[in-house]
N, C-alpha and C. Protein backbone atom coordinates (compact mmCIF):
# COMPACT_ATOMS: atom_id res chain seq x y z
N UNK A 1 3.63 -14.30 10.55
CA UNK A 1 2.44 -14.20 10.12
C UNK A 1 1.04 -14.20 11.06
N UNK A 2 0.55 -13.20 10.93
CA UNK A 2 -0.60 -13.08 12.04
C UNK A 2 -1.68 -13.88 11.41
N UNK A 3 -2.18 -15.00 12.48
CA UNK A 3 -3.47 -15.73 12.07
C UNK A 3 -4.35 -15.50 11.87
N UNK A 4 -4.63 -14.33 12.70
CA UNK A 4 -6.14 -13.77 12.96
C UNK A 4 -5.92 -12.39 13.11
N UNK A 5 -7.15 -11.93 13.05
CA UNK A 5 -7.56 -10.31 13.49
C UNK A 5 -7.18 -10.27 15.09
N UNK A 6 -7.82 -11.28 15.72
CA UNK A 6 -7.78 -11.37 17.34
C UNK A 6 -6.47 -11.30 17.76
N UNK A 7 -5.64 -12.13 16.89
CA UNK A 7 -4.16 -12.31 17.37
C UNK A 7 -3.53 -10.81 17.06
N UNK A 8 -3.87 -10.68 15.87
CA UNK A 8 -3.19 -9.45 15.55
C UNK A 8 -3.52 -7.95 16.66
N UNK A 9 -4.66 -7.96 16.90
CA UNK A 9 -5.24 -6.94 17.95
C UNK A 9 -4.27 -7.35 19.64
N UNK A 10 -4.35 -8.34 19.84
CA UNK A 10 -3.75 -8.74 20.98
C UNK A 10 -2.14 -8.28 20.71
N UNK A 11 -1.41 -8.48 19.69
CA UNK A 11 -0.08 -8.06 19.54
C UNK A 11 -0.03 -6.76 19.54
N UNK A 12 -0.98 -6.13 18.88
CA UNK A 12 -1.05 -4.59 18.98
C UNK A 12 -0.89 -4.05 20.26
N UNK A 13 -1.42 -4.47 21.22
CA UNK A 13 -1.00 -3.84 22.31
C UNK A 13 0.32 -3.64 22.73
N UNK A 14 1.25 -4.91 22.50
CA UNK A 14 2.82 -4.66 22.70
C UNK A 14 3.28 -3.77 21.86
N UNK A 15 2.66 -3.37 20.90
CA UNK A 15 3.57 -2.09 19.83
C UNK A 15 2.73 -0.80 20.21
N UNK A 16 1.96 -0.76 20.88
CA UNK A 16 1.45 0.71 21.14
C UNK A 16 2.34 1.75 21.27
N UNK A 17 3.59 1.62 21.99
CA UNK A 17 4.41 2.67 21.75
C UNK A 17 5.72 2.82 20.79
N UNK A 18 5.35 1.72 19.73
CA UNK A 18 6.11 1.42 18.64
C UNK A 18 6.30 3.10 17.87
N UNK A 19 7.71 3.25 17.96
CA UNK A 19 8.14 4.82 17.33
C UNK A 19 8.98 4.48 15.92
N UNK A 20 8.51 4.52 14.90
CA UNK A 20 9.18 4.21 13.86
C UNK A 20 8.92 5.54 12.71
N UNK A 21 10.05 5.73 11.93
CA UNK A 21 9.97 6.82 11.11
C UNK A 21 8.87 6.68 10.00
N UNK A 22 7.88 7.49 9.63
CA UNK A 22 6.95 7.34 8.93
C UNK A 22 7.56 7.05 7.46
N UNK A 23 7.03 5.83 6.60
CA UNK A 23 7.72 5.64 5.15
C UNK A 23 7.34 6.68 4.39
N UNK A 24 6.04 7.46 4.33
CA UNK A 24 5.81 8.28 3.35
C UNK A 24 4.76 9.21 4.07
N UNK A 25 4.48 10.49 3.25
CA UNK A 25 3.87 11.57 3.91
C UNK A 25 2.41 11.12 3.74
N UNK A 26 1.84 10.08 2.64
CA UNK A 26 0.58 9.96 2.57
C UNK A 26 -0.11 8.79 3.46
N UNK A 27 -1.54 9.02 3.60
CA UNK A 27 -2.48 8.55 4.44
C UNK A 27 -2.91 7.13 3.82
N UNK A 28 -2.73 5.98 4.88
CA UNK A 28 -3.56 4.68 4.38
C UNK A 28 -4.66 5.05 5.06
N UNK A 29 -6.05 4.98 4.32
CA UNK A 29 -7.26 4.86 4.99
C UNK A 29 -7.63 3.59 5.10
N UNK A 30 -7.98 3.22 6.43
CA UNK A 30 -8.75 2.01 6.78
C UNK A 30 -10.26 2.22 7.04
N UNK A 31 -11.06 1.67 6.40
CA UNK A 31 -12.71 1.72 6.41
C UNK A 31 -13.19 0.32 7.03
N UNK A 32 -13.38 0.17 8.35
CA UNK A 32 -14.22 -1.04 8.64
C UNK A 32 -14.63 -0.52 10.12
N UNK A 33 -16.30 -1.43 9.81
CA UNK A 33 -16.87 -1.04 10.98
C UNK A 33 -16.55 -2.02 12.36
N UNK A 34 -15.77 -2.83 12.16
CA UNK A 34 -15.22 -3.62 13.25
C UNK A 34 -14.08 -2.91 14.05
N UNK A 35 -14.38 -2.87 15.44
CA UNK A 35 -13.13 -1.77 16.08
C UNK A 35 -11.80 -2.62 16.01
N UNK A 36 -12.07 -4.13 16.34
CA UNK A 36 -10.98 -4.85 16.76
C UNK A 36 -9.79 -4.76 15.45
N UNK A 37 -10.58 -5.16 14.02
CA UNK A 37 -10.13 -5.06 13.03
C UNK A 37 -9.59 -4.01 12.48
N UNK A 38 -9.95 -2.87 12.72
CA UNK A 38 -9.47 -1.29 12.37
C UNK A 38 -8.31 -1.01 13.00
N UNK A 39 -8.37 -1.27 14.17
CA UNK A 39 -7.67 -0.64 15.54
C UNK A 39 -6.10 -1.79 15.17
N UNK A 40 -6.22 -2.95 14.94
CA UNK A 40 -5.33 -3.93 14.87
C UNK A 40 -4.72 -3.84 13.78
N UNK A 41 -5.25 -3.45 12.73
CA UNK A 41 -4.72 -3.16 11.29
C UNK A 41 -3.95 -1.87 11.33
N UNK A 42 -4.61 -0.50 12.01
CA UNK A 42 -3.95 0.74 12.13
C UNK A 42 -2.80 0.69 12.88
N UNK A 43 -2.72 -0.33 13.82
CA UNK A 43 -1.54 -0.32 14.78
C UNK A 43 -0.35 -1.12 13.98
N UNK A 44 -0.88 -2.00 13.32
CA UNK A 44 0.09 -3.14 12.76
C UNK A 44 0.79 -2.14 11.48
N UNK A 45 0.05 -1.42 10.57
CA UNK A 45 0.83 -0.60 9.72
C UNK A 45 1.28 0.75 10.50
N UNK A 46 1.06 1.16 11.46
CA UNK A 46 1.86 2.53 12.23
C UNK A 46 3.04 1.93 12.07
N UNK A 47 3.30 0.57 12.66
CA UNK A 47 4.65 -0.19 13.59
C UNK A 47 5.30 -0.16 12.22
N UNK A 48 4.73 -0.43 11.12
CA UNK A 48 5.46 -0.68 9.89
C UNK A 48 5.79 0.75 9.29
N UNK A 49 5.68 2.06 10.01
CA UNK A 49 6.12 3.30 9.43
C UNK A 49 5.15 3.81 8.53
N UNK A 50 3.62 3.74 8.22
CA UNK A 50 2.59 4.14 7.52
C UNK A 50 1.86 5.33 8.62
N UNK A 51 1.43 6.06 7.89
CA UNK A 51 0.68 6.97 8.50
C UNK A 51 -0.81 6.44 8.25
N UNK A 52 -1.50 6.06 8.98
CA UNK A 52 -3.06 5.73 9.05
C UNK A 52 -4.05 6.56 9.77
N UNK A 53 -5.19 6.54 9.16
CA UNK A 53 -6.30 7.04 9.60
C UNK A 53 -7.36 5.92 9.15
N UNK A 54 -8.27 5.59 10.41
CA UNK A 54 -9.12 4.95 10.50
C UNK A 54 -10.49 5.46 10.61
N UNK A 55 -11.64 4.88 9.79
CA UNK A 55 -13.12 5.32 9.93
C UNK A 55 -13.89 3.96 10.20
N UNK A 56 -15.11 4.15 11.07
CA UNK A 56 -15.75 3.22 11.45
C UNK A 56 -17.02 2.97 10.65
N UNK A 57 -17.12 4.03 9.60
CA UNK A 57 -18.48 3.87 8.63
C UNK A 57 -17.86 4.56 7.52
N UNK A 58 -18.76 4.29 6.86
CA UNK A 58 -18.58 4.71 4.96
C UNK A 58 -19.05 5.87 4.95
N UNK A 59 -19.86 6.46 5.39
CA UNK A 59 -20.30 7.69 5.79
C UNK A 59 -19.21 8.61 6.17
N UNK A 60 -18.49 8.50 7.55
CA UNK A 60 -17.22 9.07 7.94
C UNK A 60 -16.27 9.27 7.30
N UNK A 61 -16.04 8.19 6.49
CA UNK A 61 -14.82 8.18 5.45
C UNK A 61 -15.10 9.07 4.59
N UNK A 62 -16.27 9.01 3.90
CA UNK A 62 -16.70 9.94 2.45
C UNK A 62 -16.21 11.43 3.31
N UNK A 63 -16.76 11.56 4.09
CA UNK A 63 -16.72 13.14 4.81
C UNK A 63 -15.28 13.31 5.09
N UNK A 64 -14.32 12.44 5.42
CA UNK A 64 -12.82 12.99 6.24
C UNK A 64 -11.87 12.70 5.11
N UNK A 65 -12.24 11.83 4.24
CA UNK A 65 -11.54 11.47 2.84
C UNK A 65 -10.47 12.50 1.95
N UNK A 66 -9.48 12.56 2.19
CA UNK A 66 -8.44 13.67 1.22
C UNK A 66 -7.88 13.06 0.35
N UNK A 67 -8.38 13.23 -1.18
CA UNK A 67 -7.78 12.13 -2.28
C UNK A 67 -6.37 12.71 -2.26
N UNK A 68 -6.07 14.13 -1.99
CA UNK A 68 -4.53 14.50 -2.51
C UNK A 68 -3.45 13.70 -1.48
N UNK A 69 -4.14 13.28 -0.30
CA UNK A 69 -3.24 12.93 0.91
C UNK A 69 -3.11 11.16 1.23
N UNK A 70 -3.98 10.95 0.09
CA UNK A 70 -4.35 9.26 -0.09
C UNK A 70 -3.36 8.41 -0.56
N UNK A 71 -2.64 7.51 0.44
CA UNK A 71 -1.84 6.61 -0.39
C UNK A 71 -2.35 5.23 -0.88
N UNK A 72 -3.63 4.79 -0.10
CA UNK A 72 -4.38 4.15 -0.51
C UNK A 72 -5.57 3.80 0.53
N UNK A 73 -6.88 3.16 0.15
CA UNK A 73 -8.01 2.94 0.90
C UNK A 73 -7.95 1.37 1.18
N UNK A 74 -8.15 0.93 2.42
CA UNK A 74 -8.47 -0.47 2.63
C UNK A 74 -9.97 -0.53 2.97
N UNK A 75 -10.90 -0.98 2.40
CA UNK A 75 -12.15 -0.74 2.35
C UNK A 75 -12.68 -1.89 2.74
N UNK A 76 -13.50 -2.16 3.85
CA UNK A 76 -14.53 -3.28 4.10
C UNK A 76 -15.34 -3.26 3.37
N UNK A 77 -15.92 -4.83 2.63
CA UNK A 77 -17.36 -4.14 1.69
C UNK A 77 -18.69 -4.59 2.43
N UNK A 78 -18.39 -5.20 3.64
CA UNK A 78 -19.80 -5.33 4.00
C UNK A 78 -19.90 -4.97 5.45
N UNK A 79 -20.56 -3.27 5.54
CA UNK A 79 -20.63 -2.74 6.62
C UNK A 79 -21.96 -1.94 6.99
N UNK A 80 -22.71 -1.95 8.08
CA UNK A 80 -24.19 -1.64 8.32
C UNK A 80 -24.08 0.04 7.52
N UNK A 81 -25.27 0.46 7.70
CA UNK A 81 -25.26 1.96 6.61
C UNK A 81 -24.83 1.71 5.36
N UNK A 82 -24.00 3.05 5.14
CA UNK A 82 -23.16 2.78 4.00
C UNK A 82 -22.49 1.87 3.80
N UNK A 83 -22.49 0.78 2.78
CA UNK A 83 -21.61 -0.35 2.74
C UNK A 83 -20.40 -0.03 1.75
N UNK A 84 -19.48 -0.83 2.12
CA UNK A 84 -18.36 -0.80 1.25
C UNK A 84 -18.37 -0.74 -0.61
N UNK A 85 -19.39 -1.39 -0.88
CA UNK A 85 -19.94 -1.22 -2.04
C UNK A 85 -20.45 0.30 -2.62
N UNK A 86 -21.08 0.68 -1.57
CA UNK A 86 -21.55 1.79 -2.04
C UNK A 86 -20.50 3.36 -1.63
N UNK A 87 -19.59 2.68 -0.63
CA UNK A 87 -18.37 3.86 -1.06
C UNK A 87 -17.62 3.93 -2.10
N UNK A 88 -17.52 2.38 -3.02
CA UNK A 88 -16.55 2.42 -3.93
C UNK A 88 -17.10 3.16 -4.79
N UNK A 89 -18.75 3.13 -5.23
CA UNK A 89 -19.71 3.46 -6.23
C UNK A 89 -19.39 5.23 -6.00
N UNK A 90 -19.47 5.75 -4.91
CA UNK A 90 -19.03 7.03 -4.74
C UNK A 90 -17.73 7.33 -5.03
N UNK A 91 -16.94 6.86 -4.52
CA UNK A 91 -15.77 7.27 -4.92
C UNK A 91 -15.44 7.37 -6.31
N UNK A 92 -15.90 6.15 -6.89
CA UNK A 92 -16.07 6.45 -8.61
C UNK A 92 -16.46 7.41 -9.06
N UNK A 93 -17.72 7.89 -8.78
CA UNK A 93 -18.43 9.10 -9.68
C UNK A 93 -17.66 10.52 -8.88
N UNK A 94 -16.52 10.19 -7.95
CA UNK A 94 -15.85 11.58 -7.99
C UNK A 94 -14.38 11.48 -8.40
N UNK A 95 -14.31 10.45 -9.48
CA UNK A 95 -13.16 10.26 -10.02
C UNK A 95 -12.04 9.98 -9.55
N UNK A 96 -12.20 9.01 -8.38
CA UNK A 96 -11.11 8.67 -7.35
C UNK A 96 -9.96 8.16 -7.93
N UNK A 97 -8.73 8.26 -7.69
CA UNK A 97 -7.76 7.80 -8.23
C UNK A 97 -6.75 7.15 -7.30
N UNK A 98 -6.99 7.35 -5.93
CA UNK A 98 -6.57 6.61 -4.84
C UNK A 98 -6.84 4.99 -4.81
N UNK A 99 -5.29 3.92 -4.88
CA UNK A 99 -6.05 2.75 -4.94
C UNK A 99 -6.78 2.06 -3.94
N UNK A 100 -7.48 1.18 -4.30
CA UNK A 100 -8.07 0.40 -2.96
C UNK A 100 -8.21 -0.81 -3.07
N UNK A 101 -7.80 -1.54 -1.86
CA UNK A 101 -7.79 -2.73 -1.31
C UNK A 101 -9.09 -2.80 -0.61
N UNK A 102 -9.94 -3.86 -1.31
CA UNK A 102 -11.06 -4.66 -0.68
C UNK A 102 -10.52 -5.70 0.04
N UNK A 103 -11.06 -5.56 1.50
CA UNK A 103 -11.43 -6.83 2.18
C UNK A 103 -12.75 -7.33 2.78
N UNK A 104 -12.60 -8.33 2.65
CA UNK A 104 -14.21 -8.75 3.28
C UNK A 104 -14.11 -10.36 3.90
N UNK A 105 -14.75 -10.59 5.48
CA UNK A 105 -14.84 -11.95 5.76
C UNK A 105 -15.93 -12.93 4.86
N UNK A 106 -16.61 -12.33 4.13
CA UNK A 106 -17.54 -12.99 3.26
C UNK A 106 -17.31 -12.84 1.97
N UNK A 107 -16.00 -13.33 1.38
CA UNK A 107 -16.01 -13.41 -0.10
C UNK A 107 -16.44 -14.42 -0.98
N UNK A 108 -17.10 -14.24 -1.83
CA UNK A 108 -17.66 -15.33 -2.73
C UNK A 108 -17.41 -14.82 -4.29
N UNK A 109 -18.03 -15.65 -4.99
CA UNK A 109 -17.67 -15.33 -6.68
C UNK A 109 -18.41 -14.33 -7.04
N UNK A 110 -19.44 -13.83 -6.54
CA UNK A 110 -20.29 -12.42 -6.76
C UNK A 110 -19.21 -11.35 -6.20
N UNK A 111 -18.79 -11.44 -5.30
CA UNK A 111 -17.63 -10.41 -4.86
C UNK A 111 -16.66 -10.23 -5.33
N UNK A 112 -16.20 -11.59 -5.85
CA UNK A 112 -14.80 -11.69 -6.27
C UNK A 112 -14.88 -10.94 -7.84
N UNK A 113 -16.08 -10.90 -8.66
CA UNK A 113 -16.50 -10.47 -9.65
C UNK A 113 -16.62 -9.03 -9.75
N UNK A 114 -17.08 -8.66 -8.94
CA UNK A 114 -17.37 -7.14 -8.53
C UNK A 114 -16.09 -6.45 -8.24
N UNK A 115 -15.43 -7.28 -7.42
CA UNK A 115 -13.90 -6.67 -7.30
C UNK A 115 -13.21 -6.46 -8.80
N UNK A 116 -13.30 -7.50 -9.44
CA UNK A 116 -12.79 -7.56 -10.52
C UNK A 116 -12.88 -6.40 -11.54
N UNK A 117 -14.28 -6.05 -11.61
CA UNK A 117 -14.28 -5.17 -12.42
C UNK A 117 -14.65 -4.19 -12.18
N UNK A 118 -14.37 -3.58 -10.59
CA UNK A 118 -14.63 -2.18 -10.17
C UNK A 118 -12.76 -1.44 -10.42
N UNK A 119 -12.07 -2.09 -10.64
CA UNK A 119 -10.79 -1.74 -10.76
C UNK A 119 -9.87 -1.45 -9.23
N UNK A 120 -10.09 -2.30 -8.58
CA UNK A 120 -9.58 -2.04 -6.91
C UNK A 120 -8.13 -3.08 -7.52
N UNK A 121 -7.00 -2.73 -6.81
CA UNK A 121 -5.85 -3.45 -6.97
C UNK A 121 -6.04 -4.90 -6.12
N UNK A 122 -6.69 -5.53 -5.39
CA UNK A 122 -6.78 -6.51 -4.77
C UNK A 122 -8.06 -6.59 -3.98
N UNK A 123 -8.47 -7.66 -3.91
CA UNK A 123 -9.80 -8.41 -2.81
C UNK A 123 -9.06 -9.04 -2.09
N UNK A 124 -8.91 -9.23 -0.70
CA UNK A 124 -8.39 -9.95 0.27
C UNK A 124 -9.58 -10.45 1.40
N UNK A 125 -9.36 -11.57 1.54
CA UNK A 125 -10.26 -12.25 2.67
C UNK A 125 -9.56 -12.23 3.95
N UNK A 126 -10.82 -12.18 4.93
CA UNK A 126 -10.25 -11.77 6.23
C UNK A 126 -10.10 -13.21 6.91
N UNK A 127 -9.60 -13.52 7.62
CA UNK A 127 -8.37 -12.83 8.36
C UNK A 127 -7.34 -12.58 7.14
N UNK A 128 -6.51 -11.39 7.22
CA UNK A 128 -5.52 -11.10 6.36
C UNK A 128 -4.09 -11.38 6.78
N UNK A 129 -3.27 -12.07 5.82
CA UNK A 129 -1.90 -12.42 6.08
C UNK A 129 -1.38 -10.60 6.17
N UNK A 130 -0.92 -10.41 7.38
CA UNK A 130 -0.11 -9.07 7.84
C UNK A 130 0.82 -8.96 6.66
N UNK A 131 1.55 -9.73 6.36
CA UNK A 131 2.94 -9.25 5.41
C UNK A 131 2.03 -9.07 3.70
N UNK A 132 1.25 -9.85 3.33
CA UNK A 132 0.60 -9.33 2.15
C UNK A 132 0.09 -8.08 2.38
N UNK A 133 -0.93 -7.85 3.20
CA UNK A 133 -1.31 -6.60 3.45
C UNK A 133 -0.20 -5.39 3.55
N UNK A 134 1.08 -5.72 3.90
CA UNK A 134 2.17 -4.51 3.76
C UNK A 134 2.62 -4.50 2.53
N UNK A 135 2.86 -5.63 1.65
CA UNK A 135 3.30 -5.81 0.62
C UNK A 135 2.31 -4.88 -0.60
N UNK A 136 0.95 -5.09 -0.34
CA UNK A 136 0.08 -4.49 -1.06
C UNK A 136 0.34 -2.89 -0.88
N UNK A 137 0.41 -2.53 0.42
CA UNK A 137 0.62 -0.85 0.53
C UNK A 137 2.17 -0.29 0.37
N UNK A 138 2.95 -1.33 0.22
CA UNK A 138 4.22 -0.96 -0.36
C UNK A 138 4.25 -0.84 -1.70
N UNK A 139 3.64 -1.63 -2.46
CA UNK A 139 3.17 -1.53 -4.05
C UNK A 139 2.54 -0.03 -4.25
N UNK A 140 1.60 0.29 -3.53
CA UNK A 140 0.97 1.69 -3.59
C UNK A 140 2.05 2.69 -3.28
N UNK A 141 2.83 2.73 -2.57
CA UNK A 141 4.02 3.49 -2.30
C UNK A 141 4.72 3.39 -3.60
N UNK A 142 5.20 2.36 -4.19
CA UNK A 142 6.20 2.43 -5.33
C UNK A 142 5.55 3.34 -6.31
N UNK A 143 4.24 2.92 -6.80
CA UNK A 143 3.17 3.68 -7.62
C UNK A 143 3.06 5.10 -7.27
N UNK A 144 2.81 5.64 -6.20
CA UNK A 144 2.92 6.86 -5.99
C UNK A 144 4.24 7.73 -5.94
N UNK A 145 4.91 7.06 -5.81
CA UNK A 145 6.61 7.75 -5.68
C UNK A 145 6.98 7.69 -7.38
N UNK A 146 6.35 6.84 -8.22
CA UNK A 146 6.63 6.80 -9.23
C UNK A 146 6.02 8.02 -10.27
N UNK A 147 4.75 8.27 -9.86
CA UNK A 147 3.78 9.43 -10.17
C UNK A 147 4.53 10.65 -10.47
């Protein structure tokens, strides 16, 4: 278990040359304005065999998102510019069916209520347990494969 994202980022340097076959042909999208969090999460998931695409802003994600290729979306709620809340609203307006995992360093009752009513598969607090994150994505793989 990785204690925090800084540790995950440090470990990611060791795995930069990791070459594992992809588990699926679908993309895990990571949307987070924090470079360290986004990069370390990306490397973690790539080393576990997932194809990953990262975005530093909600606006960039909304422009580059391909729902047909999407396995799941890992979405930070608190970002400058277009927040994760606004990204979620935009996705819902588009009729998005790609599963969404929300994560936040500032989880409170209001955020938990929002997540509960928005149809996401999980809200997890930062720092994230790496195994928990991978388990959630593997759940998305099983759901996509069954569809």
